[in-house]
Amino acid sequence: GCVYASRVEAKSILTTVDRVMDQLRHRFGALEETTGRFVYGYLHVRHGDSHRCDKNLVQMGKYIECTFGTFCQNNEGHDCKKDFPLLIGSDERNETYRRGLSSLINSHPNLQAVNLDEEVTKEIKREISEGESPPYKLNNFYIFLVEQVILQDAAFYLQQNRQYCPDCDSENVVIDQDESRRWWSSWLSVTIK
């Protein structure tokens, strides 16, 4: 079942965000040359919405191939020779599906899948085991909030769910400096000052 948080501690969320992002920066070393900013994309897949939108692995393979088929050509000036991190957030509990989705992404020559749910959960477990965070922090609401903060700085945001289920999103995979294009950056569920 679900475990719900009785309160939200913004500082605690930001600490987890910083640590997860530091680990990803260290792993990928993916910095934008002009700004030094860590550059990544975000894919949110709601496989549980499949009654409205077919998210099976065959369909997701077609979606990824179409969406990222011209990724490097469309983003000249960015280092497409490195594995570009594509962070995945999902409601999926089926590990076979999660591994299959990551494998599809990793089979693309310029992408590297990152199971963001797993990365955030691992960091929260580490914080709890070292006495830095209380046990109630390990719940789906905190994980959601941490991922929402991480999503704010994604170069692009893609989604597959019952309300938005395109066959291809190639026009949305753009890396540039225009933060006004980041329409998703106003979604944060908690105000962090």
Protein backbone atom coordinates (compact mmCIF):
# COMPACT_ATOMS: atom_id res chain seq x y z
CA GLY A 1 0.00 0.00 0.00
CA CYS A 2 0.82 3.63 -0.06
CA VAL A 3 2.58 5.46 2.72
CA TYR A 4 1.83 9.16 2.92
CA ALA A 5 3.95 11.88 4.44
CA SER A 6 2.35 13.93 7.18
CA ARG A 7 4.54 16.93 6.40
CA VAL A 8 6.91 18.15 3.74
CA GLU A 9 10.33 19.46 4.67
CA ALA A 10 11.58 21.46 1.71
CA LYS A 11 15.19 21.56 2.96
CA SER A 12 15.20 17.77 3.26
CA ILE A 13 13.88 17.45 -0.30
CA LEU A 14 16.55 19.80 -1.65
CA THR A 15 19.29 17.89 0.17
CA THR A 16 18.19 14.67 -1.52
CA VAL A 17 17.92 16.43 -4.90
CA ASP A 18 21.44 17.83 -4.56
CA ARG A 19 22.91 14.44 -3.66
CA VAL A 20 21.14 12.58 -6.47
CA MET A 21 22.17 15.23 -9.00
CA ASP A 22 25.78 15.22 -7.74
CA GLN A 23 25.88 11.45 -8.27
CA LEU A 24 24.50 11.83 -11.80
CA ARG A 25 26.94 14.64 -12.65
CA HIS A 26 29.77 12.45 -11.43
CA ARG A 27 28.54 9.44 -13.42
CA PHE A 28 27.92 11.26 -16.68
CA GLY A 29 30.16 14.31 -16.55
CA ALA A 30 27.58 15.75 -18.92
CA LEU A 31 28.04 19.47 -18.72
CA GLU A 32 26.89 21.94 -21.31
CA GLU A 33 30.03 23.57 -22.67
CA THR A 34 28.81 27.17 -22.58
CA THR A 35 27.16 27.24 -19.15
CA GLY A 36 28.68 24.31 -17.27
CA ARG A 37 25.12 23.15 -16.55
CA PHE A 38 24.33 19.44 -16.21
CA VAL A 39 22.11 18.63 -19.18
CA TYR A 40 19.57 15.80 -19.16
CA GLY A 41 16.12 14.91 -20.42
CA TYR A 42 13.15 13.52 -18.51
CA LEU A 43 10.66 10.87 -19.65
CA HIS A 44 7.56 10.20 -17.56
CA VAL A 45 5.83 6.94 -18.44
CA ARG A 46 2.52 5.96 -16.89
CA HIS A 47 2.36 2.33 -17.97
CA GLY A 48 -0.61 1.88 -15.62
CA ASP A 49 -2.59 4.11 -17.99
CA SER A 50 -2.34 1.50 -20.74
CA HIS A 51 -6.12 1.15 -20.95
CA ARG A 52 -6.10 4.57 -22.62
CA CYS A 53 -2.73 4.48 -24.37
CA ASP A 54 -0.72 1.43 -25.40
CA LYS A 55 2.64 1.58 -23.60
CA ASN A 56 3.85 -1.95 -24.28
CA LEU A 57 7.56 -2.27 -25.02
CA VAL A 58 7.04 -2.66 -28.77
CA GLN A 59 5.14 0.65 -28.90
CA MET A 60 7.65 2.35 -26.59
CA GLY A 61 10.48 1.14 -28.86
CA LYS A 62 8.78 2.81 -31.85
CA TYR A 63 8.21 5.97 -29.80
CA ILE A 64 11.87 6.16 -28.71
CA GLU A 65 13.17 5.48 -32.22
CA CYS A 66 10.96 8.16 -33.76
CA THR A 67 11.49 10.69 -30.96
CA PHE A 68 15.29 10.37 -30.84
CA GLY A 69 15.97 9.39 -34.46
CA THR A 70 17.35 12.85 -35.31
CA PHE A 71 18.40 13.83 -31.79
CA CYS A 72 22.04 14.68 -32.59
CA GLN A 73 21.25 16.38 -35.90
CA ASN A 74 18.69 18.60 -34.16
CA ASN A 75 21.00 19.48 -31.30
CA GLU A 76 24.28 20.39 -32.96
CA GLY A 77 26.72 22.05 -30.62
CA HIS A 78 25.90 19.61 -27.84
CA ASP A 79 28.05 16.58 -27.25
CA CYS A 80 25.99 13.78 -28.77
CA LYS A 81 28.95 11.40 -28.70
CA LYS A 82 28.53 10.99 -24.97
CA ASP A 83 25.63 9.06 -23.54
CA PHE A 84 22.97 11.67 -22.97
CA PRO A 85 21.15 10.95 -19.69
CA LEU A 86 17.42 10.37 -20.07
CA LEU A 87 15.89 10.24 -16.59
CA ILE A 88 12.86 7.98 -16.34
CA GLY A 89 10.06 8.50 -13.85
CA SER A 90 7.25 5.96 -13.83
CA ASP A 91 4.49 4.38 -11.80
CA GLU A 92 5.60 1.00 -13.12
CA ARG A 93 6.22 -1.71 -10.54
CA ASN A 94 6.90 -4.48 -13.06
CA GLU A 95 10.70 -4.78 -13.04
CA THR A 96 10.71 -6.68 -16.35
CA TYR A 97 8.96 -3.72 -18.02
CA ARG A 98 11.31 -1.20 -16.36
CA ARG A 99 14.39 -3.14 -17.47
CA GLY A 100 12.93 -3.51 -20.97
CA LEU A 101 12.25 0.23 -21.23
CA SER A 102 15.79 1.04 -20.04
CA SER A 103 17.19 -1.44 -22.54
CA LEU A 104 15.26 0.22 -25.39
CA ILE A 105 16.63 3.62 -24.41
CA ASN A 106 20.17 2.29 -23.95
CA SER A 107 20.06 0.70 -27.40
CA HIS A 108 19.87 4.18 -28.91
CA PRO A 109 23.44 5.28 -29.69
CA ASN A 110 23.18 8.65 -27.91
CA LEU A 111 21.06 7.86 -24.85
CA GLN A 112 21.60 6.37 -21.41
CA ALA A 113 18.56 5.48 -19.33
CA VAL A 114 18.53 6.44 -15.66
CA ASN A 115 15.83 4.92 -13.47
CA LEU A 116 15.20 8.05 -11.42
CA ASP A 117 12.81 6.31 -9.01
CA GLU A 118 15.61 3.88 -8.15
CA GLU A 119 18.24 6.62 -7.79
CA VAL A 120 16.05 8.68 -5.44
CA THR A 121 14.99 5.64 -3.39
CA LYS A 122 18.61 4.52 -3.03
CA GLU A 123 19.65 7.97 -1.77
CA ILE A 124 16.76 8.19 0.72
CA LYS A 125 17.60 4.72 2.06
CA ARG A 126 21.22 5.82 2.49
CA GLU A 127 20.12 8.97 4.35
CA ILE A 128 17.91 6.91 6.68
CA SER A 129 20.60 4.29 7.35
CA GLU A 130 23.09 7.02 8.28
CA GLY A 131 20.59 8.78 10.56
CA GLU A 132 20.34 11.86 8.33
CA SER A 133 16.64 11.43 7.56
CA PRO A 134 13.67 9.95 9.41
CA PRO A 135 12.21 6.63 8.16
CA TYR A 136 8.95 8.26 7.07
CA LYS A 137 10.86 9.98 4.24
CA LEU A 138 10.88 6.69 2.32
CA ASN A 139 7.45 6.98 0.70
CA ASN A 140 6.01 7.64 -2.72
CA PHE A 141 5.15 11.26 -1.91
CA TYR A 142 8.73 12.26 -1.03
CA ILE A 143 10.07 10.41 -4.05
CA PHE A 144 7.54 12.27 -6.21
CA LEU A 145 8.54 15.64 -4.74
CA VAL A 146 12.26 15.01 -5.22
CA GLU A 147 11.63 14.04 -8.84
CA GLN A 148 9.48 17.12 -9.40
CA VAL A 149 12.37 19.34 -8.32
CA ILE A 150 14.77 17.43 -10.60
CA LEU A 151 12.30 17.75 -13.48
CA GLN A 152 12.42 21.55 -13.20
CA ASP A 153 15.89 21.71 -14.78
CA ALA A 154 15.43 19.07 -17.49
CA ALA A 155 16.38 20.25 -20.98
CA PHE A 156 13.21 18.57 -22.24
CA TYR A 157 10.24 16.78 -20.73
CA LEU A 158 8.50 13.91 -22.48
CA GLN A 159 5.46 12.05 -21.27
CA GLN A 160 3.39 9.01 -22.13
CA ASN A 161 0.09 8.78 -20.27
CA ARG A 162 -3.66 8.64 -20.76
CA GLN A 163 -3.88 12.38 -21.51
CA TYR A 164 -0.79 12.75 -23.69
CA CYS A 165 0.17 9.77 -25.80
CA PRO A 166 1.92 10.79 -29.03
CA ASP A 167 3.54 8.28 -31.36
CA CYS A 168 6.52 10.61 -31.70
CA ASP A 169 7.87 13.62 -29.78
CA SER A 170 10.89 14.58 -31.89
CA GLU A 171 9.84 18.25 -32.05
CA ASN A 172 9.99 18.40 -28.23
CA VAL A 173 13.55 17.06 -27.90
CA VAL A 174 15.34 20.39 -28.07
CA ILE A 175 18.29 21.49 -25.98
CA ASP A 176 18.68 25.24 -25.83
CA GLN A 177 19.11 28.09 -23.41
CA ASP A 178 15.55 29.41 -23.67
CA GLU A 179 14.12 28.54 -20.27
CA SER A 180 10.77 30.10 -21.24
CA ARG A 181 10.18 26.95 -23.31
CA ARG A 182 10.23 24.92 -20.11
CA TRP A 183 6.48 25.09 -19.54
CA TRP A 184 6.72 22.23 -17.04
CA SER A 185 8.95 24.22 -14.67
CA SER A 186 5.91 25.76 -12.96
CA TRP A 187 4.54 22.39 -11.83
CA LEU A 188 6.38 22.13 -8.56
CA SER A 189 3.99 20.93 -5.88
CA VAL A 190 5.78 22.64 -3.02
CA THR A 191 7.21 26.12 -2.80
CA ILE A 192 10.89 26.01 -2.02
CA LYS A 193 12.56 29.26 -0.97
